[in-house]
Amino acid sequence: QAGGSLRLSCAASGSIFSVNGMGWYRQFP
């Protein structure tokens, strides 16, 4: 509901040497 909260998580896995910049994008219809 409006006024509420959510926490998004995003985990990288696989053949990773390192992870540099990370970010969140959103797409409206």
Full PDB file with SEQRES, HELIX, SHEET, SSBOND, CRYST1, ORIGX, SCALE, CONECT and MASTER records, all heavy atoms in Angstrom:
SEQRES   1 A   29  GLN ALA GLY GLY SER LEU ARG LEU SER CYS ALA ALA SER          
SEQRES   2 A   29  GLY SER ILE PHE SER VAL ASN GLY MET GLY TRP TYR ARG          
SEQRES   3 A   29  GLN PHE PRO                                                  
CRYST1    1.000    1.000    1.000  90.00  90.00  90.00 P 1           1          
ORIGX1      1.000000  0.000000  0.000000        0.00000                         
ORIGX2      0.000000  1.000000  0.000000        0.00000                         
ORIGX3      0.000000  0.000000  1.000000        0.00000                         
SCALE1      1.000000  0.000000  0.000000        0.00000                         
SCALE2      0.000000  1.000000  0.000000        0.00000                         
SCALE3      0.000000  0.000000  1.000000        0.00000                         
ATOM      1  N   GLN A   1       0.827  -1.199   0.000  1.00  0.00           N  
ATOM      2  CA  GLN A   1       0.000   0.000   0.000  1.00  0.00           C  
ATOM      3  C   GLN A   1       0.864   1.254   0.000  1.00  0.00           C  
ATOM      4  O   GLN A   1       2.012   1.239   0.440  1.00  0.00           O  
ATOM      5  CB  GLN A   1      -0.918   0.015   1.226  1.00  0.00           C  
ATOM      6  CG  GLN A   1      -2.004  -1.036   1.206  1.00  0.00           C  
ATOM      7  CD  GLN A   1      -2.952  -0.912   2.377  1.00  0.00           C  
ATOM      8  OE1 GLN A   1      -2.522  -0.716   3.516  1.00  0.00           O  
ATOM      9  NE2 GLN A   1      -4.242  -1.012   2.108  1.00  0.00           N  
ATOM     10  N   ALA A   2       0.303   2.336  -0.501  1.00  0.00           N  
ATOM     11  CA  ALA A   2       1.007   3.613  -0.493  1.00  0.00           C  
ATOM     12  C   ALA A   2       1.471   3.940   0.923  1.00  0.00           C  
ATOM     13  O   ALA A   2       0.723   3.776   1.885  1.00  0.00           O  
ATOM     14  CB  ALA A   2       0.113   4.715  -1.025  1.00  0.00           C  
ATOM     15  N   GLY A   3       2.714   4.397   1.019  1.00  0.00           N  
ATOM     16  CA  GLY A   3       3.295   4.698   2.309  1.00  0.00           C  
ATOM     17  C   GLY A   3       4.073   3.549   2.904  1.00  0.00           C  
ATOM     18  O   GLY A   3       4.811   3.736   3.881  1.00  0.00           O  
ATOM     19  N   GLY A   4       3.938   2.379   2.324  1.00  0.00           N  
ATOM     20  CA  GLY A   4       4.622   1.203   2.826  1.00  0.00           C  
ATOM     21  C   GLY A   4       6.046   1.097   2.324  1.00  0.00           C  
ATOM     22  O   GLY A   4       6.552   1.983   1.633  1.00  0.00           O  
ATOM     23  N   SER A   5       6.677  -0.024   2.666  1.00  0.00           N  
ATOM     24  CA  SER A   5       8.077  -0.233   2.325  1.00  0.00           C  
ATOM     25  C   SER A   5       8.319  -1.600   1.719  1.00  0.00           C  
ATOM     26  O   SER A   5       7.597  -2.561   1.992  1.00  0.00           O  
ATOM     27  CB  SER A   5       8.962  -0.098   3.572  1.00  0.00           C  
ATOM     28  OG  SER A   5       8.874   1.189   4.145  1.00  0.00           O  
ATOM     29  N   LEU A   6       9.346  -1.678   0.909  1.00  0.00           N  
ATOM     30  CA  LEU A   6       9.823  -2.926   0.351  1.00  0.00           C  
ATOM     31  C   LEU A   6      11.339  -2.858   0.287  1.00  0.00           C  
ATOM     32  O   LEU A   6      11.909  -1.773   0.164  1.00  0.00           O  
ATOM     33  CB  LEU A   6       9.280  -3.177  -1.059  1.00  0.00           C  
ATOM     34  CG  LEU A   6       7.826  -3.597  -1.218  1.00  0.00           C  
ATOM     35  CD1 LEU A   6       7.459  -3.617  -2.700  1.00  0.00           C  
ATOM     36  CD2 LEU A   6       7.587  -4.970  -0.602  1.00  0.00           C  
ATOM     37  N   ARG A   7      11.969  -4.011   0.360  1.00  0.00           N  
ATOM     38  CA  ARG A   7      13.414  -4.079   0.214  1.00  0.00           C  
ATOM     39  C   ARG A   7      13.761  -5.070  -0.884  1.00  0.00           C  
ATOM     40  O   ARG A   7      13.468  -6.260  -0.769  1.00  0.00           O  
ATOM     41  CB  ARG A   7      14.087  -4.507   1.513  1.00  0.00           C  
ATOM     42  CG  ARG A   7      15.607  -4.331   1.488  1.00  0.00           C  
ATOM     43  CD  ARG A   7      16.266  -4.980   2.680  1.00  0.00           C  
ATOM     44  NE  ARG A   7      17.643  -4.555   2.843  1.00  0.00           N  
ATOM     45  CZ  ARG A   7      18.609  -5.311   3.366  1.00  0.00           C  
ATOM     46  NH1 ARG A   7      18.331  -6.532   3.791  1.00  0.00           N  
ATOM     47  NH2 ARG A   7      19.834  -4.830   3.478  1.00  0.00           N  
ATOM     48  N   LEU A   8      14.371  -4.585  -1.938  1.00  0.00           N  
ATOM     49  CA  LEU A   8      14.778  -5.421  -3.047  1.00  0.00           C  
ATOM     50  C   LEU A   8      16.212  -5.884  -2.847  1.00  0.00           C  
ATOM     51  O   LEU A   8      17.053  -5.144  -2.347  1.00  0.00           O  
ATOM     52  CB  LEU A   8      14.676  -4.663  -4.371  1.00  0.00           C  
ATOM     53  CG  LEU A   8      13.336  -4.012  -4.717  1.00  0.00           C  
ATOM     54  CD1 LEU A   8      13.415  -3.385  -6.104  1.00  0.00           C  
ATOM     55  CD2 LEU A   8      12.208  -5.030  -4.640  1.00  0.00           C  
ATOM     56  N   SER A   9      16.475  -7.110  -3.254  1.00  0.00           N  
ATOM     57  CA  SER A   9      17.816  -7.667  -3.186  1.00  0.00           C  
ATOM     58  C   SER A   9      18.203  -8.195  -4.553  1.00  0.00           C  
ATOM     59  O   SER A   9      17.357  -8.662  -5.315  1.00  0.00           O  
ATOM     60  CB  SER A   9      17.894  -8.807  -2.163  1.00  0.00           C  
ATOM     61  OG  SER A   9      17.600  -8.358  -0.863  1.00  0.00           O  
ATOM     62  N   CYS A  10      19.475  -8.145  -4.851  1.00  0.00           N  
ATOM     63  CA  CYS A  10      19.984  -8.663  -6.112  1.00  0.00           C  
ATOM     64  C   CYS A  10      21.362  -9.241  -5.869  1.00  0.00           C  
ATOM     65  O   CYS A  10      22.287  -8.517  -5.493  1.00  0.00           O  
ATOM     66  CB  CYS A  10      20.044  -7.556  -7.161  1.00  0.00           C  
ATOM     67  SG  CYS A  10      20.806  -8.038  -8.720  1.00  0.00           S  
ATOM     68  N   ALA A  11      21.496 -10.533  -6.084  1.00  0.00           N  
ATOM     69  CA  ALA A  11      22.753 -11.219  -5.846  1.00  0.00           C  
ATOM     70  C   ALA A  11      23.353 -11.735  -7.144  1.00  0.00           C  
ATOM     71  O   ALA A  11      22.669 -12.384  -7.937  1.00  0.00           O  
ATOM     72  CB  ALA A  11      22.547 -12.379  -4.876  1.00  0.00           C  
ATOM     73  N   ALA A  12      24.609 -11.445  -7.344  1.00  0.00           N  
ATOM     74  CA  ALA A  12      25.328 -11.930  -8.512  1.00  0.00           C  
ATOM     75  C   ALA A  12      25.995 -13.259  -8.184  1.00  0.00           C  
ATOM     76  O   ALA A  12      26.583 -13.422  -7.117  1.00  0.00           O  
ATOM     77  CB  ALA A  12      26.378 -10.918  -8.957  1.00  0.00           C  
ATOM     78  N   SER A  13      25.886 -14.191  -9.099  1.00  0.00           N  
ATOM     79  CA  SER A  13      26.516 -15.485  -8.902  1.00  0.00           C  
ATOM     80  C   SER A  13      27.069 -15.996 -10.226  1.00  0.00           C  
ATOM     81  O   SER A  13      26.649 -15.565 -11.295  1.00  0.00           O  
ATOM     82  CB  SER A  13      25.528 -16.502  -8.328  1.00  0.00           C  
ATOM     83  OG  SER A  13      24.456 -16.736  -9.226  1.00  0.00           O  
ATOM     84  N   GLY A  14      27.986 -16.933 -10.134  1.00  0.00           N  
ATOM     85  CA  GLY A  14      28.602 -17.497 -11.319  1.00  0.00           C  
ATOM     86  C   GLY A  14      30.101 -17.303 -11.313  1.00  0.00           C  
ATOM     87  O   GLY A  14      30.719 -17.202 -10.257  1.00  0.00           O  
ATOM     88  N   SER A  15      30.668 -17.266 -12.498  1.00  0.00           N  
ATOM     89  CA  SER A  15      32.115 -17.115 -12.640  1.00  0.00           C  
ATOM     90  C   SER A  15      32.498 -15.648 -12.523  1.00  0.00           C  
ATOM     91  O   SER A  15      32.718 -14.960 -13.526  1.00  0.00           O  
ATOM     92  CB  SER A  15      32.576 -17.701 -13.971  1.00  0.00           C  
ATOM     93  OG  SER A  15      32.255 -19.078 -14.074  1.00  0.00           O  
ATOM     94  N   ILE A  16      32.577 -15.182 -11.299  1.00  0.00           N  
ATOM     95  CA  ILE A  16      32.830 -13.773 -11.020  1.00  0.00           C  
ATOM     96  C   ILE A  16      34.228 -13.547 -10.478  1.00  0.00           C  
ATOM     97  O   ILE A  16      34.635 -14.187  -9.512  1.00  0.00           O  
ATOM     98  CB  ILE A  16      31.815 -13.230 -10.011  1.00  0.00           C  
ATOM     99  CG1 ILE A  16      30.392 -13.390 -10.533  1.00  0.00           C  
ATOM    100  CG2 ILE A  16      32.105 -11.768  -9.691  1.00  0.00           C  
ATOM    101  CD1 ILE A  16      29.331 -13.084  -9.503  1.00  0.00           C  
ATOM    102  N   PHE A  17      34.916 -12.630 -11.109  1.00  0.00           N  
ATOM    103  CA  PHE A  17      36.204 -12.206 -10.594  1.00  0.00           C  
ATOM    104  C   PHE A  17      35.986 -11.081  -9.582  1.00  0.00           C  
ATOM    105  O   PHE A  17      36.552 -11.100  -8.491  1.00  0.00           O  
ATOM    106  CB  PHE A  17      37.123 -11.747 -11.733  1.00  0.00           C  
ATOM    107  CG  PHE A  17      38.462 -11.253 -11.270  1.00  0.00           C  
ATOM    108  CD1 PHE A  17      39.450 -12.139 -10.892  1.00  0.00           C  
ATOM    109  CD2 PHE A  17      38.739  -9.890 -11.218  1.00  0.00           C  
ATOM    110  CE1 PHE A  17      40.688 -11.696 -10.467  1.00  0.00           C  
ATOM    111  CE2 PHE A  17      39.975  -9.432 -10.796  1.00  0.00           C  
ATOM    112  CZ  PHE A  17      40.951 -10.335 -10.414  1.00  0.00           C  
ATOM    113  N   SER A  18      35.155 -10.128  -9.951  1.00  0.00           N  
ATOM    114  CA  SER A  18      34.790  -9.040  -9.064  1.00  0.00           C  
ATOM    115  C   SER A  18      33.577  -8.326  -9.638  1.00  0.00           C  
ATOM    116  O   SER A  18      33.228  -8.500 -10.800  1.00  0.00           O  
ATOM    117  CB  SER A  18      35.947  -8.057  -8.872  1.00  0.00           C  
ATOM    118  OG  SER A  18      36.237  -7.375 -10.073  1.00  0.00           O  
ATOM    119  N   VAL A  19      32.925  -7.517  -8.808  1.00  0.00           N  
ATOM    120  CA  VAL A  19      31.788  -6.725  -9.233  1.00  0.00           C  
ATOM    121  C   VAL A  19      32.084  -5.261  -8.957  1.00  0.00           C  
ATOM    122  O   VAL A  19      32.453  -4.900  -7.843  1.00  0.00           O  
ATOM    123  CB  VAL A  19      30.496  -7.135  -8.504  1.00  0.00           C  
ATOM    124  CG1 VAL A  19      29.333  -6.254  -8.943  1.00  0.00           C  
ATOM    125  CG2 VAL A  19      30.183  -8.595  -8.767  1.00  0.00           C  
ATOM    126  N   ASN A  20      31.931  -4.443  -9.971  1.00  0.00           N  
ATOM    127  CA  ASN A  20      32.181  -3.018  -9.821  1.00  0.00           C  
ATOM    128  C   ASN A  20      30.865  -2.298  -9.496  1.00  0.00           C  
ATOM    129  O   ASN A  20      30.211  -2.628  -8.519  1.00  0.00           O  
ATOM    130  CB  ASN A  20      32.836  -2.464 -11.087  1.00  0.00           C  
ATOM    131  CG  ASN A  20      33.618  -1.190 -10.837  1.00  0.00           C  
ATOM    132  OD1 ASN A  20      33.065  -0.197 -10.367  1.00  0.00           O  
ATOM    133  ND2 ASN A  20      34.898  -1.211 -11.151  1.00  0.00           N  
ATOM    134  N   GLY A  21      30.487  -1.338 -10.304  1.00  0.00           N  
ATOM    135  CA  GLY A  21      29.277  -0.590 -10.039  1.00  0.00           C  
ATOM    136  C   GLY A  21      28.022  -1.440 -10.122  1.00  0.00           C  
ATOM    137  O   GLY A  21      27.925  -2.351 -10.945  1.00  0.00           O  
ATOM    138  N   MET A  22      27.049  -1.121  -9.272  1.00  0.00           N  
ATOM    139  CA  MET A  22      25.770  -1.813  -9.269  1.00  0.00           C  
ATOM    140  C   MET A  22      24.667  -0.764  -9.207  1.00  0.00           C  
ATOM    141  O   MET A  22      24.880   0.347  -8.725  1.00  0.00           O  
ATOM    142  CB  MET A  22      25.648  -2.775  -8.088  1.00  0.00           C  
ATOM    143  CG  MET A  22      26.770  -3.802  -7.999  1.00  0.00           C  
ATOM    144  SD  MET A  22      26.544  -5.018  -6.670  1.00  0.00           S  
ATOM    145  CE  MET A  22      25.427  -6.175  -7.480  1.00  0.00           C  
ATOM    146  N   GLY A  23      23.510  -1.135  -9.705  1.00  0.00           N  
ATOM    147  CA  GLY A  23      22.427  -0.176  -9.690  1.00  0.00           C  
ATOM    148  C   GLY A  23      21.074  -0.805  -9.891  1.00  0.00           C  
ATOM    149  O   GLY A  23      20.956  -2.001 -10.179  1.00  0.00           O  
ATOM    150  N   TRP A  24      20.063   0.023  -9.708  1.00  0.00           N  
ATOM    151  CA  TRP A  24      18.683  -0.382  -9.912  1.00  0.00           C  
ATOM    152  C   TRP A  24      18.036   0.507 -10.956  1.00  0.00           C  
ATOM    153  O   TRP A  24      18.193   1.728 -10.919  1.00  0.00           O  
ATOM    154  CB  TRP A  24      17.880  -0.298  -8.609  1.00  0.00           C  
ATOM    155  CG  TRP A  24      18.266  -1.336  -7.606  1.00  0.00           C  
ATOM    156  CD1 TRP A  24      19.168  -1.214  -6.593  1.00  0.00           C  
ATOM    157  CD2 TRP A  24      17.751  -2.665  -7.524  1.00  0.00           C  
ATOM    158  NE1 TRP A  24      19.251  -2.384  -5.884  1.00  0.00           N  
ATOM    159  CE2 TRP A  24      18.394  -3.293  -6.433  1.00  0.00           C  
ATOM    160  CE3 TRP A  24      16.813  -3.392  -8.262  1.00  0.00           C  
ATOM    161  CZ2 TRP A  24      18.127  -4.612  -6.060  1.00  0.00           C  
ATOM    162  CZ3 TRP A  24      16.549  -4.704  -7.890  1.00  0.00           C  
ATOM    163  CH2 TRP A  24      17.198  -5.292  -6.805  1.00  0.00           C  
ATOM    164  N   TYR A  25      17.336  -0.110 -11.874  1.00  0.00           N  
ATOM    165  CA  TYR A  25      16.569   0.578 -12.894  1.00  0.00           C  
ATOM    166  C   TYR A  25      15.110   0.170 -12.756  1.00  0.00           C  
ATOM    167  O   TYR A  25      14.799  -0.862 -12.178  1.00  0.00           O  
ATOM    168  CB  TYR A  25      17.056   0.198 -14.294  1.00  0.00           C  
ATOM    169  CG  TYR A  25      18.443   0.694 -14.639  1.00  0.00           C  
ATOM    170  CD1 TYR A  25      19.572   0.160 -14.043  1.00  0.00           C  
ATOM    171  CD2 TYR A  25      18.620   1.703 -15.597  1.00  0.00           C  
ATOM    172  CE1 TYR A  25      20.842   0.606 -14.365  1.00  0.00           C  
ATOM    173  CE2 TYR A  25      19.889   2.153 -15.932  1.00  0.00           C  
ATOM    174  CZ  TYR A  25      20.989   1.601 -15.316  1.00  0.00           C  
ATOM    175  OH  TYR A  25      22.246   2.049 -15.651  1.00  0.00           O  
ATOM    176  N   ARG A  26      14.231   0.983 -13.307  1.00  0.00           N  
ATOM    177  CA  ARG A  26      12.834   0.586 -13.344  1.00  0.00           C  
ATOM    178  C   ARG A  26      12.247   0.926 -14.702  1.00  0.00           C  
ATOM    179  O   ARG A  26      12.721   1.824 -15.398  1.00  0.00           O  
ATOM    180  CB  ARG A  26      12.018   1.243 -12.224  1.00  0.00           C  
ATOM    181  CG  ARG A  26      11.908   2.757 -12.294  1.00  0.00           C  
ATOM    182  CD  ARG A  26      11.202   3.269 -11.048  1.00  0.00           C  
ATOM    183  NE  ARG A  26      11.121   4.716 -11.014  1.00  0.00           N  
ATOM    184  CZ  ARG A  26      10.672   5.413  -9.977  1.00  0.00           C  
ATOM    185  NH1 ARG A  26      10.264   4.790  -8.878  1.00  0.00           N  
ATOM    186  NH2 ARG A  26      10.632   6.739 -10.035  1.00  0.00           N  
ATOM    187  N   GLN A  27      11.233   0.181 -15.060  1.00  0.00           N  
ATOM    188  CA  GLN A  27      10.599   0.354 -16.356  1.00  0.00           C  
ATOM    189  C   GLN A  27       9.089   0.403 -16.185  1.00  0.00           C  
ATOM    190  O   GLN A  27       8.479  -0.534 -15.679  1.00  0.00           O  
ATOM    191  CB  GLN A  27      10.994  -0.778 -17.302  1.00  0.00           C  
ATOM    192  CG  GLN A  27      10.524  -0.594 -18.730  1.00  0.00           C  
ATOM    193  CD  GLN A  27      11.196  -1.557 -19.686  1.00  0.00           C  
ATOM    194  OE1 GLN A  27      11.646  -2.630 -19.279  1.00  0.00           O  
ATOM    195  NE2 GLN A  27      11.277  -1.179 -20.944  1.00  0.00           N  
ATOM    196  N   PHE A  28       8.522   1.518 -16.602  1.00  0.00           N  
ATOM    197  CA  PHE A  28       7.077   1.664 -16.605  1.00  0.00           C  
ATOM    198  C   PHE A  28       6.549   1.118 -17.923  1.00  0.00           C  
ATOM    199  O   PHE A  28       7.253   1.130 -18.937  1.00  0.00           O  
ATOM    200  CB  PHE A  28       6.678   3.129 -16.447  1.00  0.00           C  
ATOM    201  CG  PHE A  28       7.267   3.794 -15.240  1.00  0.00           C  
ATOM    202  CD1 PHE A  28       8.242   4.769 -15.376  1.00  0.00           C  
ATOM    203  CD2 PHE A  28       6.852   3.452 -13.963  1.00  0.00           C  
ATOM    204  CE1 PHE A  28       8.788   5.390 -14.268  1.00  0.00           C  
ATOM    205  CE2 PHE A  28       7.399   4.062 -12.846  1.00  0.00           C  
ATOM    206  CZ  PHE A  28       8.370   5.036 -12.997  1.00  0.00           C  
ATOM    207  N   PRO A  29       5.303   0.637 -17.960  1.00  0.00           N  
ATOM    208  CA  PRO A  29       4.745   0.084 -19.195  1.00  0.00           C  
ATOM    209  C   PRO A  29       4.851   1.065 -20.355  1.00  0.00           C  
ATOM    210  O   PRO A  29       4.474   2.234 -20.234  1.00  0.00           O  
ATOM    211  CB  PRO A  29       3.288  -0.188 -18.821  1.00  0.00           C  
ATOM    212  CG  PRO A  29       3.331  -0.455 -17.353  1.00  0.00           C  
ATOM    213  CD  PRO A  29       4.359   0.521 -16.829  1.00  0.00           C  
TER     214      PRO A  29                                                      
MASTER        0    0    0    0    0    0    0    6  213    1    0    3          
END                                                                             
